[in-house]
Amino acid sequence: MKALVFHGPLQMNWEDVPEPKLQDGEVLVKVKAVGICGSDIHGYQGKTKRRIPPMVMGHEAAGEVAALGPRAGKFAVGQGVVIQPLTGCGDCPACAQGAVNQCSGRSLLGVNAPGAMAEYVVVREKNLYPLPEGVSYSAASLAEPMSVVAHALSRTPSLLHQRVAVIGAGAIGLIAIMMARAGGALQLLAADLSDYRLGLAKELGTDVVVNSGREDAAKVIREMTGGGADIVIECVGVAPAVQTAIQSVRNGGHITLIGNSAAMMELPAQELVVRELTAAGTYAFNREFPVMVEALGKGSLPVEKLVSLEAPLEEGAEVFARLGQGEDERVIKAVLIG
């Protein structure tokens, strides 16, 4: 079969790879849609070392059941499915508590195991959910980033009647804006470097947008909220964005850190202490995935608006090269179509 294989920084090819073999409880899925995550781009650029070449990336995916392995019978061949890409060891305390994302032996498709940027991908049957009626494969590939945001908000105080600022208006930030609005935020603010993305944030219900390349975003947020946001959701993961988040929150406020780019950064620790700020890190998801698949079926969040580029899987190397240059602010979520 064919797959998009990452061979090293800025090196990716559509090439032949061995046909996968199914083990007990596994399902062969014909990939219909796979989203390109920001972390995939960072890996492609060589900025992070989590994806070790040669590697088939892709953890945001949906497809059609092509074959069933031994002891797999929950789904029928030809049935549409949404792929939950995260697997735990099943034996550790984290797994016992349902916190698969905190399992030290966890495995993520496209990072620790061959991913979905291929004609076919092998997935454990227990990691598949039926594709909701009326939902496209492309939209279904957004169940994973939706779950990431939903989990982040589960580690955040209630947004109801709170002044909420979102730093970063990429796909994760825009989903956070949707969920914050649905969660009853009293005032919703967003900061980003792109006027185009801030325009989308405005369309999705943001009250105040600020271009942090032209203005002091933290100062604007403090002024517009009367002293600082109650809650700040940071969706970039680099030092300037995290520092903006700290400067934007009110004394005694809360910051949720979703961004996961820089391994180390300088932070004003004294400010965290003196102002009695709380901060919560968040990674992936655990119980949120099936809830987000259900939300897709109900159409409660307009996430399909985020899909701004669709291209055939075999053209994936060209799409990565384009996105890797970081010049097209209008591509919020790119999806490769099988």
Protein backbone atom coordinates (compact mmCIF):
# COMPACT_ATOMS: atom_id res chain seq x y z
CA MET A 1 0.00 0.00 0.00
CA LYS A 2 1.00 3.67 -0.22
CA ALA A 3 1.73 6.00 2.68
CA LEU A 4 3.11 9.46 3.35
CA VAL A 5 6.44 8.75 5.05
CA PHE A 6 8.38 11.33 7.08
CA HIS A 7 12.13 10.73 6.61
CA GLY A 8 13.55 13.73 8.48
CA PRO A 9 13.20 17.52 8.67
CA LEU A 10 11.45 18.78 5.52
CA GLN A 11 11.63 15.31 3.96
CA MET A 12 8.38 13.48 3.19
CA ASN A 13 7.42 11.12 0.35
CA TRP A 14 4.34 9.27 -0.88
CA GLU A 15 5.74 5.75 -1.23
CA ASP A 16 5.15 2.02 -0.92
CA VAL A 17 5.13 0.53 2.58
CA PRO A 18 4.44 -3.04 3.74
CA GLU A 19 0.82 -4.14 4.00
CA PRO A 20 -0.23 -4.17 7.68
CA LYS A 21 -1.18 -7.46 9.36
CA LEU A 22 -4.10 -7.61 11.76
CA GLN A 23 -3.76 -9.00 15.27
CA ASP A 24 -6.52 -9.97 17.70
CA GLY A 25 -9.04 -7.19 18.21
CA GLU A 26 -7.65 -5.01 15.42
CA VAL A 27 -9.42 -3.45 12.44
CA LEU A 28 -8.04 -2.33 9.10
CA VAL A 29 -9.46 1.11 8.26
CA LYS A 30 -9.37 2.64 4.79
CA VAL A 31 -8.47 6.26 5.49
CA LYS A 32 -11.01 8.74 4.14
CA ALA A 33 -9.79 11.89 5.90
CA VAL A 34 -6.82 12.77 8.11
CA GLY A 35 -6.14 16.20 9.57
CA ILE A 36 -2.71 17.78 9.75
CA CYS A 37 -2.07 18.83 13.35
CA GLY A 38 0.21 21.71 14.27
CA SER A 39 2.38 19.16 16.07
CA ASP A 40 2.74 17.26 12.76
CA ILE A 41 4.06 20.44 11.15
CA HIS A 42 6.49 21.05 14.04
CA GLY A 43 7.75 17.48 13.67
CA TYR A 44 8.10 17.90 9.90
CA GLN A 45 10.11 21.10 10.46
CA GLY A 46 12.39 19.34 12.94
CA LYS A 47 11.32 21.61 15.79
CA THR A 48 10.22 18.67 17.95
CA LYS A 49 11.74 15.21 18.24
CA ARG A 50 8.66 13.17 19.16
CA ARG A 51 8.23 11.81 15.62
CA ILE A 52 11.21 9.58 14.86
CA PRO A 53 11.74 8.87 11.13
CA PRO A 54 10.87 6.92 9.17
CA MET A 55 7.34 7.59 10.42
CA VAL A 56 3.83 7.71 9.02
CA MET A 57 2.14 10.60 10.81
CA GLY A 58 -1.57 11.23 11.30
CA HIS A 59 -3.67 11.01 14.47
CA GLU A 60 -6.78 13.01 13.50
CA ALA A 61 -8.65 10.63 11.23
CA ALA A 62 -11.82 8.93 10.08
CA GLY A 63 -12.39 6.20 7.54
CA GLU A 64 -14.19 3.08 6.45
CA VAL A 65 -13.76 -0.42 7.84
CA ALA A 66 -11.86 -2.49 5.26
CA ALA A 67 -11.15 -5.74 7.15
CA LEU A 68 -11.59 -7.28 10.60
CA GLY A 69 -8.88 -9.06 12.52
CA PRO A 70 -9.45 -12.09 14.77
CA ARG A 71 -11.92 -11.42 17.61
CA ALA A 72 -13.04 -8.14 16.09
CA GLY A 73 -16.71 -8.10 15.22
CA LYS A 74 -18.23 -4.89 16.54
CA PHE A 75 -18.15 -3.16 13.15
CA ALA A 76 -19.07 -4.24 9.64
CA VAL A 77 -16.87 -3.98 6.57
CA GLY A 78 -17.79 -0.76 4.77
CA GLN A 79 -18.98 1.01 7.92
CA GLY A 80 -17.79 4.57 8.56
CA VAL A 81 -15.77 5.07 11.73
CA VAL A 82 -14.02 7.82 13.68
CA ILE A 83 -10.57 6.92 15.01
CA GLN A 84 -9.59 7.56 18.63
CA PRO A 85 -5.78 7.48 18.28
CA LEU A 86 -4.61 7.19 21.91
CA THR A 87 -3.96 3.87 23.65
CA GLY A 88 -2.78 3.17 27.19
CA CYS A 89 -1.02 0.14 28.64
CA GLY A 90 -4.21 -0.88 30.46
CA ASP A 91 -2.42 -1.91 33.66
CA CYS A 92 -1.09 1.24 35.34
CA PRO A 93 -2.87 3.44 37.93
CA ALA A 94 -3.54 6.12 35.29
CA CYS A 95 -5.30 3.63 33.00
CA ALA A 96 -7.26 2.23 35.94
CA GLN A 97 -8.60 5.74 36.57
CA GLY A 98 -9.46 6.29 32.91
CA ALA A 99 -6.64 8.81 32.46
CA VAL A 100 -5.09 7.16 29.40
CA ASN A 101 -3.41 10.44 28.50
CA GLN A 102 -1.31 10.15 31.67
CA CYS A 103 -0.22 6.54 31.07
CA SER A 104 3.59 6.49 30.91
CA GLY A 105 3.34 3.70 28.32
CA ARG A 106 0.72 5.37 26.15
CA SER A 107 0.89 5.14 22.37
CA LEU A 108 -0.45 7.65 19.85
CA LEU A 109 -1.05 6.81 16.22
CA GLY A 110 1.28 8.83 14.04
CA VAL A 111 3.79 9.32 16.86
CA ASN A 112 4.48 5.97 18.54
CA ALA A 113 2.75 3.77 15.96
CA PRO A 114 2.10 4.04 12.19
CA GLY A 115 -0.50 6.74 11.67
CA ALA A 116 -3.33 7.50 9.30
CA MET A 117 -1.50 9.38 6.54
CA ALA A 118 -1.71 6.23 4.46
CA GLU A 119 -4.20 4.34 2.36
CA TYR A 120 -4.92 2.08 5.34
CA VAL A 121 -4.27 2.17 9.08
CA VAL A 122 -4.58 -0.52 11.75
CA VAL A 123 -6.62 0.49 14.79
CA ARG A 124 -7.79 -1.43 17.84
CA GLU A 125 -11.52 -2.07 17.58
CA LYS A 126 -12.08 -0.51 21.00
CA ASN A 127 -10.62 2.76 19.63
CA LEU A 128 -13.25 3.13 16.91
CA TYR A 129 -16.58 4.94 17.06
CA PRO A 130 -19.37 4.84 14.45
CA LEU A 131 -19.38 7.80 12.09
CA PRO A 132 -22.48 9.85 13.02
CA GLU A 133 -25.13 10.08 10.33
CA GLY A 134 -24.79 13.17 8.19
CA VAL A 135 -21.21 13.95 9.31
CA SER A 136 -18.53 14.07 6.61
CA TYR A 137 -15.26 12.20 7.04
CA SER A 138 -13.46 15.53 6.88
CA ALA A 139 -15.49 17.00 9.74
CA ALA A 140 -15.14 13.75 11.70
CA SER A 141 -11.34 14.11 11.62
CA LEU A 142 -11.83 17.10 13.95
CA ALA A 143 -13.12 14.89 16.77
CA GLU A 144 -9.55 14.59 18.07
CA PRO A 145 -8.72 18.33 18.37
CA MET A 146 -12.24 18.88 19.77
CA SER A 147 -11.45 16.29 22.44
CA VAL A 148 -8.16 18.02 23.27
CA VAL A 149 -9.99 21.29 23.93
CA ALA A 150 -12.82 19.59 25.83
CA HIS A 151 -10.26 17.93 28.12
CA ALA A 152 -8.47 21.25 28.64
CA LEU A 153 -11.74 22.87 29.69
CA SER A 154 -12.38 20.00 32.11
CA ARG A 155 -9.22 21.19 33.89
CA THR A 156 -10.44 24.79 33.88
CA PRO A 157 -12.85 26.47 36.31
CA SER A 158 -16.38 26.95 35.01
CA LEU A 159 -16.54 29.48 32.19
CA LEU A 160 -20.10 30.49 33.05
CA HIS A 161 -20.34 34.28 33.51
CA GLN A 162 -16.54 34.60 33.38
CA ARG A 163 -14.36 36.92 31.32
CA VAL A 164 -12.33 34.55 29.15
CA ALA A 165 -9.32 35.35 26.94
CA VAL A 166 -7.93 32.92 24.35
CA ILE A 167 -4.31 33.40 23.27
CA GLY A 168 -3.80 31.98 19.78
CA ALA A 169 -6.53 31.66 17.13
CA GLY A 170 -5.38 28.57 15.28
CA ALA A 171 -7.58 25.48 15.10
CA ILE A 172 -7.29 24.72 18.83
CA GLY A 173 -7.85 28.33 19.83
CA LEU A 174 -10.90 28.68 17.58
CA ILE A 175 -12.41 25.47 18.96
CA ALA A 176 -11.75 26.83 22.45
CA ILE A 177 -13.61 30.00 21.47
CA MET A 178 -16.59 27.94 20.27
CA MET A 179 -16.68 25.93 23.49
CA ALA A 180 -16.17 28.98 25.71
CA ARG A 181 -19.11 30.71 24.03
CA ALA A 182 -21.22 27.58 24.38
CA GLY A 183 -20.07 27.34 28.01
CA GLY A 184 -21.59 30.69 28.90
CA ALA A 185 -18.59 33.04 29.00
CA LEU A 186 -19.72 36.55 29.91
CA GLN A 187 -17.02 38.19 27.81
CA LEU A 188 -14.80 36.50 25.25
CA LEU A 189 -11.51 37.96 23.99
CA ALA A 190 -8.90 36.60 21.57
CA ALA A 191 -5.33 37.55 20.64
CA ASP A 192 -3.37 36.40 17.61
CA LEU A 193 -0.88 37.71 15.05
CA SER A 194 -3.24 37.16 12.10
CA ASP A 195 -6.07 39.53 11.22
CA TYR A 196 -7.63 36.75 9.14
CA ARG A 197 -7.77 34.35 12.06
CA LEU A 198 -9.03 37.07 14.37
CA GLY A 199 -11.79 37.68 11.83
CA LEU A 200 -12.82 34.03 12.19
CA ALA A 201 -12.68 34.40 15.97
CA LYS A 202 -15.07 37.34 15.66
CA GLU A 203 -17.42 35.29 13.46
CA LEU A 204 -17.46 32.54 16.08
CA GLY A 205 -18.63 34.89 18.82
CA THR A 206 -15.56 36.65 20.22
CA ASP A 207 -16.41 40.06 21.67
CA VAL A 208 -12.93 41.61 21.49
CA VAL A 209 -10.03 40.69 19.20
CA VAL A 210 -6.51 42.11 19.34
CA ASN A 211 -3.59 41.68 16.96
CA SER A 212 -0.64 41.04 19.28
CA GLY A 213 1.79 41.97 16.51
CA ARG A 214 0.54 45.55 16.46
CA GLU A 215 -0.76 46.10 19.97
CA ASP A 216 0.10 45.16 23.53
CA ALA A 217 -2.43 42.34 23.76
CA ALA A 218 -2.17 41.95 27.53
CA LYS A 219 -2.75 45.67 28.07
CA VAL A 220 -5.81 45.65 25.81
CA ILE A 221 -7.24 42.58 27.55
CA ARG A 222 -6.71 44.12 30.99
CA GLU A 223 -8.37 47.36 29.88
CA MET A 224 -11.33 45.63 28.22
CA THR A 225 -11.97 43.36 31.22
CA GLY A 226 -11.48 45.97 33.93
CA GLY A 227 -8.29 44.50 35.37
CA GLY A 228 -7.68 41.20 33.65
CA ALA A 229 -9.51 38.11 32.40
CA ASP A 230 -10.82 35.65 34.98
CA ILE A 231 -9.59 32.78 32.83
CA VAL A 232 -6.97 32.70 30.05
CA ILE A 233 -6.65 29.74 27.70
CA GLU A 234 -3.18 29.62 26.08
CA CYS A 235 -3.12 27.74 22.77
CA VAL A 236 0.33 28.46 21.29
CA GLY A 237 2.96 27.02 23.61
CA VAL A 238 5.80 29.51 23.12
CA ALA A 239 7.23 31.91 25.69
CA PRO A 240 5.76 35.18 24.36
CA ALA A 241 2.25 33.68 24.27
CA VAL A 242 2.52 32.23 27.77
CA GLN A 243 3.88 35.52 29.08
CA THR A 244 0.95 37.33 27.43
CA ALA A 245 -1.40 34.91 29.16
CA ILE A 246 0.14 35.66 32.57
CA GLN A 247 0.00 39.40 31.97
CA SER A 248 -3.62 39.18 30.76
CA VAL A 249 -5.16 37.36 33.73
CA ARG A 250 -6.49 39.15 36.82
CA ASN A 251 -4.95 38.66 40.26
CA GLY A 252 -6.13 35.32 41.56
CA GLY A 253 -7.12 34.23 38.06
CA HIS A 254 -6.57 30.98 36.21
CA ILE A 255 -4.50 30.03 33.13
CA THR A 256 -4.95 26.79 31.18
CA LEU A 257 -1.96 25.84 29.03
CA ILE A 258 -2.84 23.79 25.94
CA GLY A 259 0.06 24.90 23.73
CA ASN A 260 2.82 22.29 23.52
CA SER A 261 5.69 23.58 21.37
CA ALA A 262 8.59 24.80 23.50
CA ALA A 263 10.11 22.26 25.89
CA MET A 264 11.65 24.98 28.09
CA MET A 265 10.81 28.64 28.56
CA GLU A 266 11.41 31.52 30.96
CA LEU A 267 8.42 32.49 33.11
CA PRO A 268 7.87 35.22 35.73
CA ALA A 269 7.60 32.82 38.66
CA GLN A 270 7.42 35.62 41.23
CA GLU A 271 4.38 37.02 39.47
CA LEU A 272 2.66 33.65 39.68
CA VAL A 273 3.34 33.56 43.41
CA VAL A 274 2.61 37.16 44.42
CA ARG A 275 -0.54 37.42 42.30
CA GLU A 276 -1.74 33.97 43.46
CA LEU A 277 -2.34 32.73 39.93
CA THR A 278 -3.26 29.14 39.18
CA ALA A 279 -2.10 27.37 36.05
CA ALA A 280 -3.09 23.96 34.71
CA GLY A 281 -1.24 22.00 32.09
CA THR A 282 -3.33 19.76 29.87
CA TYR A 283 -2.45 17.01 27.41
CA ALA A 284 -4.57 15.11 24.90
CA PHE A 285 -7.82 13.71 26.33
CA ASN A 286 -9.27 10.73 28.13
CA ARG A 287 -13.06 10.34 28.44
CA GLU A 288 -13.97 13.22 26.13
CA PHE A 289 -13.62 11.54 22.73
CA PRO A 290 -17.00 9.74 22.48
CA VAL A 291 -18.73 12.87 23.78
CA MET A 292 -17.16 14.90 20.98
CA VAL A 293 -18.18 12.32 18.36
CA GLU A 294 -21.73 12.69 19.67
CA ALA A 295 -21.41 16.49 19.50
CA LEU A 296 -20.41 16.20 15.85
CA GLY A 297 -23.55 14.19 15.19
CA LYS A 298 -25.70 16.85 16.84
CA GLY A 299 -23.98 19.68 14.97
CA SER A 300 -23.64 21.66 18.18
CA LEU A 301 -20.28 23.19 17.19
CA PRO A 302 -19.60 24.55 13.66
CA VAL A 303 -16.14 22.98 13.42
CA GLU A 304 -16.50 22.29 9.70
CA LYS A 305 -15.81 26.01 9.21
CA LEU A 306 -12.22 25.36 10.26
CA VAL A 307 -11.46 23.03 7.33
CA SER A 308 -9.85 25.49 4.95
CA LEU A 309 -7.80 23.13 2.76
CA GLU A 310 -8.55 19.66 1.43
CA ALA A 311 -6.10 17.76 -0.76
CA PRO A 312 -5.59 14.13 -1.83
CA LEU A 313 -3.35 12.05 0.41
CA GLU A 314 -0.91 11.50 -2.43
CA GLU A 315 -0.33 15.28 -2.54
CA GLY A 316 0.43 15.38 1.17
CA ALA A 317 4.16 16.06 0.76
CA GLU A 318 3.38 19.23 -1.18
CA VAL A 319 0.84 20.32 1.45
CA PHE A 320 3.38 19.79 4.25
CA ALA A 321 5.98 21.78 2.33
CA ARG A 322 3.49 24.63 1.94
CA LEU A 323 2.40 24.60 5.57
CA GLY A 324 5.96 24.15 6.78
CA GLN A 325 6.83 27.56 5.37
CA GLY A 326 4.23 29.07 7.71
CA GLU A 327 3.19 31.70 5.22
CA ASP A 328 -0.50 30.90 4.65
CA GLU A 329 -2.52 32.29 7.55
CA ARG A 330 -5.77 31.27 5.83
CA VAL A 331 -5.15 27.56 6.32
CA ILE A 332 -6.68 26.84 9.72
CA LYS A 333 -7.10 23.10 9.32
CA ALA A 334 -5.74 21.13 6.37
CA VAL A 335 -7.28 17.72 5.77
CA LEU A 336 -5.86 15.05 3.46
CA ILE A 337 -8.52 13.02 1.69
CA GLY A 338 -8.19 9.30 0.94
